[in-house]
Amino acid sequence: EMAHEARKDPVDYRRAMLSKRPDWLKVLNTLAEKSDWGSPMAPGKGRGIGITECFGSVVGCVAEIDLRSDGSLKVDRVVYAIDCGHAVNPLTTAEQLEGGTIFGLTAALYGKMTVKNGAIEQGNFDSYQMVRLNEAPKIEVHLALTGGKKWGGVGEPGTSPIAPALANAIFS
């Protein structure tokens, strides 16, 4: 919304603020490239970005959504870039970000727990709505590693940027 008020592209707006952070810029530029940022979207579709630092890693994602005429929302594609310094097993890094995506989307889309008579009603996953396989977006993960002495985490960081990216996609 701040980029919109400033009449700037959301990626360019962030680039200006992150000019002294090469690790953040590498993640941001990787996201812009790999997500085809700036390419036109069809009517009813939106694209949003979120970027953060979490557990020593800089991680960002771009979410692409489809807002249907009936008011429902479908997350079609999520593109991640991460700088965790080093990746011993890039596949494990990707899998962690994919899992974080599902966890974060679940919280953003369905994150409601109800209390009845002082007890949580959702006792297990059979009564807690989660993003299911048929709702899961296509997820792409790209490493934007800067190396050096940095060793960041990859387990939780995938969760933190998805809700802001989703909200920005809806706003767009």
Protein backbone atom coordinates (compact mmCIF):
# COMPACT_ATOMS: atom_id res chain seq x y z
CA GLU A 1 0.00 0.00 0.00
CA MET A 2 2.90 2.35 0.69
CA ALA A 3 4.35 1.69 -2.76
CA HIS A 4 0.90 2.32 -4.24
CA GLU A 5 0.61 5.63 -2.37
CA ALA A 6 4.10 6.59 -3.61
CA ARG A 7 3.06 5.60 -7.15
CA LYS A 8 5.98 3.17 -7.36
CA ASP A 9 6.28 -0.42 -8.43
CA PRO A 10 6.40 -2.54 -5.23
CA VAL A 11 9.74 -4.14 -6.17
CA ASP A 12 11.33 -0.82 -7.12
CA TYR A 13 10.02 0.71 -3.90
CA ARG A 14 11.74 -2.02 -1.87
CA ARG A 15 14.94 -1.76 -3.93
CA ALA A 16 15.27 1.91 -2.96
CA MET A 17 14.90 1.09 0.73
CA LEU A 18 17.33 -1.86 0.59
CA SER A 19 20.12 -0.19 -1.36
CA LYS A 20 22.66 -0.84 1.42
CA ARG A 21 21.70 -4.49 1.93
CA PRO A 22 23.22 -6.60 -0.87
CA ASP A 23 21.85 -9.85 0.58
CA TRP A 24 18.29 -8.47 0.58
CA LEU A 25 18.75 -7.03 -2.90
CA LYS A 26 19.96 -10.38 -4.22
CA VAL A 27 16.82 -12.07 -2.89
CA LEU A 28 14.59 -9.27 -4.19
CA ASN A 29 16.19 -9.27 -7.65
CA THR A 30 16.02 -13.06 -7.86
CA LEU A 31 12.32 -12.89 -6.98
CA ALA A 32 11.66 -10.24 -9.59
CA GLU A 33 13.43 -12.25 -12.28
CA LYS A 34 12.09 -15.72 -11.47
CA SER A 35 8.49 -14.59 -10.91
CA ASP A 36 8.33 -12.54 -14.12
CA TRP A 37 7.54 -9.51 -11.98
CA GLY A 38 6.10 -6.71 -14.04
CA SER A 39 4.59 -8.94 -16.71
CA PRO A 40 0.88 -8.27 -17.26
CA MET A 41 -1.72 -10.25 -15.34
CA ALA A 42 -5.09 -11.32 -16.69
CA PRO A 43 -8.23 -9.65 -15.28
CA GLY A 44 -9.08 -11.03 -11.85
CA LYS A 45 -5.50 -12.07 -11.18
CA GLY A 46 -3.07 -10.41 -8.80
CA ARG A 47 0.59 -10.62 -7.83
CA GLY A 48 2.11 -9.57 -4.52
CA ILE A 49 5.48 -9.71 -2.82
CA GLY A 50 6.73 -10.18 0.72
CA ILE A 51 10.32 -10.24 1.98
CA THR A 52 11.72 -10.66 5.47
CA GLU A 53 14.64 -11.83 7.56
CA CYS A 54 13.95 -14.87 9.69
CA PHE A 55 16.25 -17.24 11.60
CA GLY A 56 19.31 -15.67 9.98
CA SER A 57 17.99 -16.04 6.43
CA VAL A 58 16.63 -13.43 4.06
CA VAL A 59 13.61 -14.93 2.35
CA GLY A 60 10.94 -13.55 0.10
CA CYS A 61 8.11 -14.75 -2.04
CA VAL A 62 5.80 -13.64 -4.77
CA ALA A 63 2.24 -14.95 -4.68
CA GLU A 64 -0.02 -15.04 -7.73
CA ILE A 65 -3.72 -15.33 -7.11
CA ASP A 66 -7.00 -15.66 -8.96
CA LEU A 67 -9.95 -13.74 -7.48
CA ARG A 68 -12.99 -15.42 -8.96
CA SER A 69 -16.28 -13.75 -9.76
CA ASP A 70 -17.98 -15.66 -6.91
CA GLY A 71 -15.57 -14.00 -4.43
CA SER A 72 -13.45 -17.09 -3.86
CA LEU A 73 -9.68 -16.96 -3.97
CA LYS A 74 -7.19 -19.42 -5.44
CA VAL A 75 -3.44 -19.12 -4.92
CA ASP A 76 -2.03 -20.28 -8.25
CA ARG A 77 1.73 -19.86 -7.89
CA VAL A 78 4.28 -18.96 -5.22
CA VAL A 79 7.89 -18.15 -6.08
CA TYR A 80 10.52 -18.07 -3.31
CA ALA A 81 14.05 -16.79 -3.13
CA ILE A 82 16.22 -17.38 -0.08
CA ASP A 83 19.65 -16.38 1.12
CA CYS A 84 20.56 -18.72 3.94
CA GLY A 85 24.26 -18.20 3.24
CA HIS A 86 24.92 -21.80 2.25
CA ALA A 87 22.72 -24.76 1.34
CA VAL A 88 24.16 -28.17 2.12
CA ASN A 89 21.21 -29.86 0.41
CA PRO A 90 19.27 -27.51 -1.90
CA LEU A 91 16.42 -30.03 -2.19
CA THR A 92 15.89 -29.99 1.58
CA THR A 93 15.89 -26.19 1.50
CA ALA A 94 13.19 -26.24 -1.18
CA GLU A 95 11.14 -28.81 0.74
CA GLN A 96 11.27 -26.72 3.90
CA LEU A 97 10.06 -23.62 2.06
CA GLU A 98 7.29 -25.63 0.40
CA GLY A 99 6.10 -26.87 3.79
CA GLY A 100 6.29 -23.36 5.20
CA THR A 101 4.13 -22.17 2.33
CA ILE A 102 1.35 -24.62 3.18
CA PHE A 103 1.60 -23.78 6.89
CA GLY A 104 1.56 -20.02 6.23
CA LEU A 105 -1.25 -20.18 3.67
CA THR A 106 -3.30 -22.27 6.08
CA ALA A 107 -2.87 -19.60 8.76
CA ALA A 108 -3.67 -16.78 6.34
CA LEU A 109 -6.68 -18.40 4.68
CA TYR A 110 -8.19 -20.54 7.43
CA GLY A 111 -6.40 -19.53 10.62
CA LYS A 112 -9.35 -19.66 12.92
CA MET A 113 -9.60 -21.68 16.09
CA THR A 114 -12.79 -21.60 18.11
CA VAL A 115 -13.28 -21.97 21.85
CA LYS A 116 -16.38 -23.54 23.39
CA ASN A 117 -16.84 -23.85 27.15
CA GLY A 118 -13.19 -22.88 27.68
CA ALA A 119 -11.75 -25.54 25.34
CA ILE A 120 -10.40 -25.36 21.79
CA GLU A 121 -12.88 -27.12 19.50
CA GLN A 122 -10.30 -28.15 16.91
CA GLY A 123 -8.74 -31.16 18.62
CA ASN A 124 -6.72 -32.47 15.70
CA PHE A 125 -6.20 -32.01 11.98
CA ASP A 126 -9.54 -33.65 11.18
CA SER A 127 -11.29 -30.58 12.61
CA TYR A 128 -8.72 -27.91 11.67
CA GLN A 129 -9.00 -26.75 8.08
CA MET A 130 -5.68 -26.76 6.25
CA VAL A 131 -4.61 -26.09 2.68
CA ARG A 132 -5.09 -29.46 1.02
CA LEU A 133 -3.29 -30.89 -1.99
CA ASN A 134 -6.04 -29.82 -4.41
CA GLU A 135 -5.70 -26.22 -3.15
CA ALA A 136 -1.91 -26.08 -3.03
CA PRO A 137 -0.26 -23.64 -5.44
CA LYS A 138 2.63 -24.40 -7.71
CA ILE A 139 5.69 -23.56 -5.59
CA GLU A 140 9.10 -22.65 -7.00
CA VAL A 141 12.19 -22.16 -4.85
CA HIS A 142 15.34 -20.35 -5.97
CA LEU A 143 18.55 -20.00 -3.99
CA ALA A 144 20.09 -16.52 -3.86
CA LEU A 145 23.07 -17.44 -1.70
CA THR A 146 25.69 -14.91 -0.64
CA GLY A 147 27.96 -17.38 1.17
CA GLY A 148 30.52 -16.06 3.62
CA LYS A 149 30.18 -16.89 7.31
CA LYS A 150 26.40 -16.75 7.21
CA TRP A 151 24.45 -19.95 7.96
CA GLY A 152 20.74 -19.24 8.19
CA GLY A 153 17.76 -21.42 8.92
CA VAL A 154 15.40 -22.89 6.34
CA GLY A 155 12.68 -24.56 8.45
CA GLU A 156 10.51 -21.65 9.54
CA PRO A 157 11.49 -18.85 7.11
CA GLY A 158 9.10 -20.04 4.38
CA THR A 159 6.13 -19.29 6.61
CA SER A 160 6.79 -15.61 7.30
CA PRO A 161 6.55 -13.91 3.85
CA ILE A 162 3.57 -15.79 2.40
CA ALA A 163 0.77 -13.91 4.23
CA PRO A 164 2.18 -10.46 3.30
CA ALA A 165 2.67 -11.61 -0.31
CA LEU A 166 -0.90 -12.93 -0.38
CA ALA A 167 -2.29 -9.69 1.09
CA ASN A 168 -0.31 -7.65 -1.44
CA ALA A 169 -1.62 -9.84 -4.27
CA ILE A 170 -5.18 -9.25 -3.12
CA PHE A 171 -4.50 -5.50 -2.84
CA SER A 172 -3.05 -5.42 -6.35
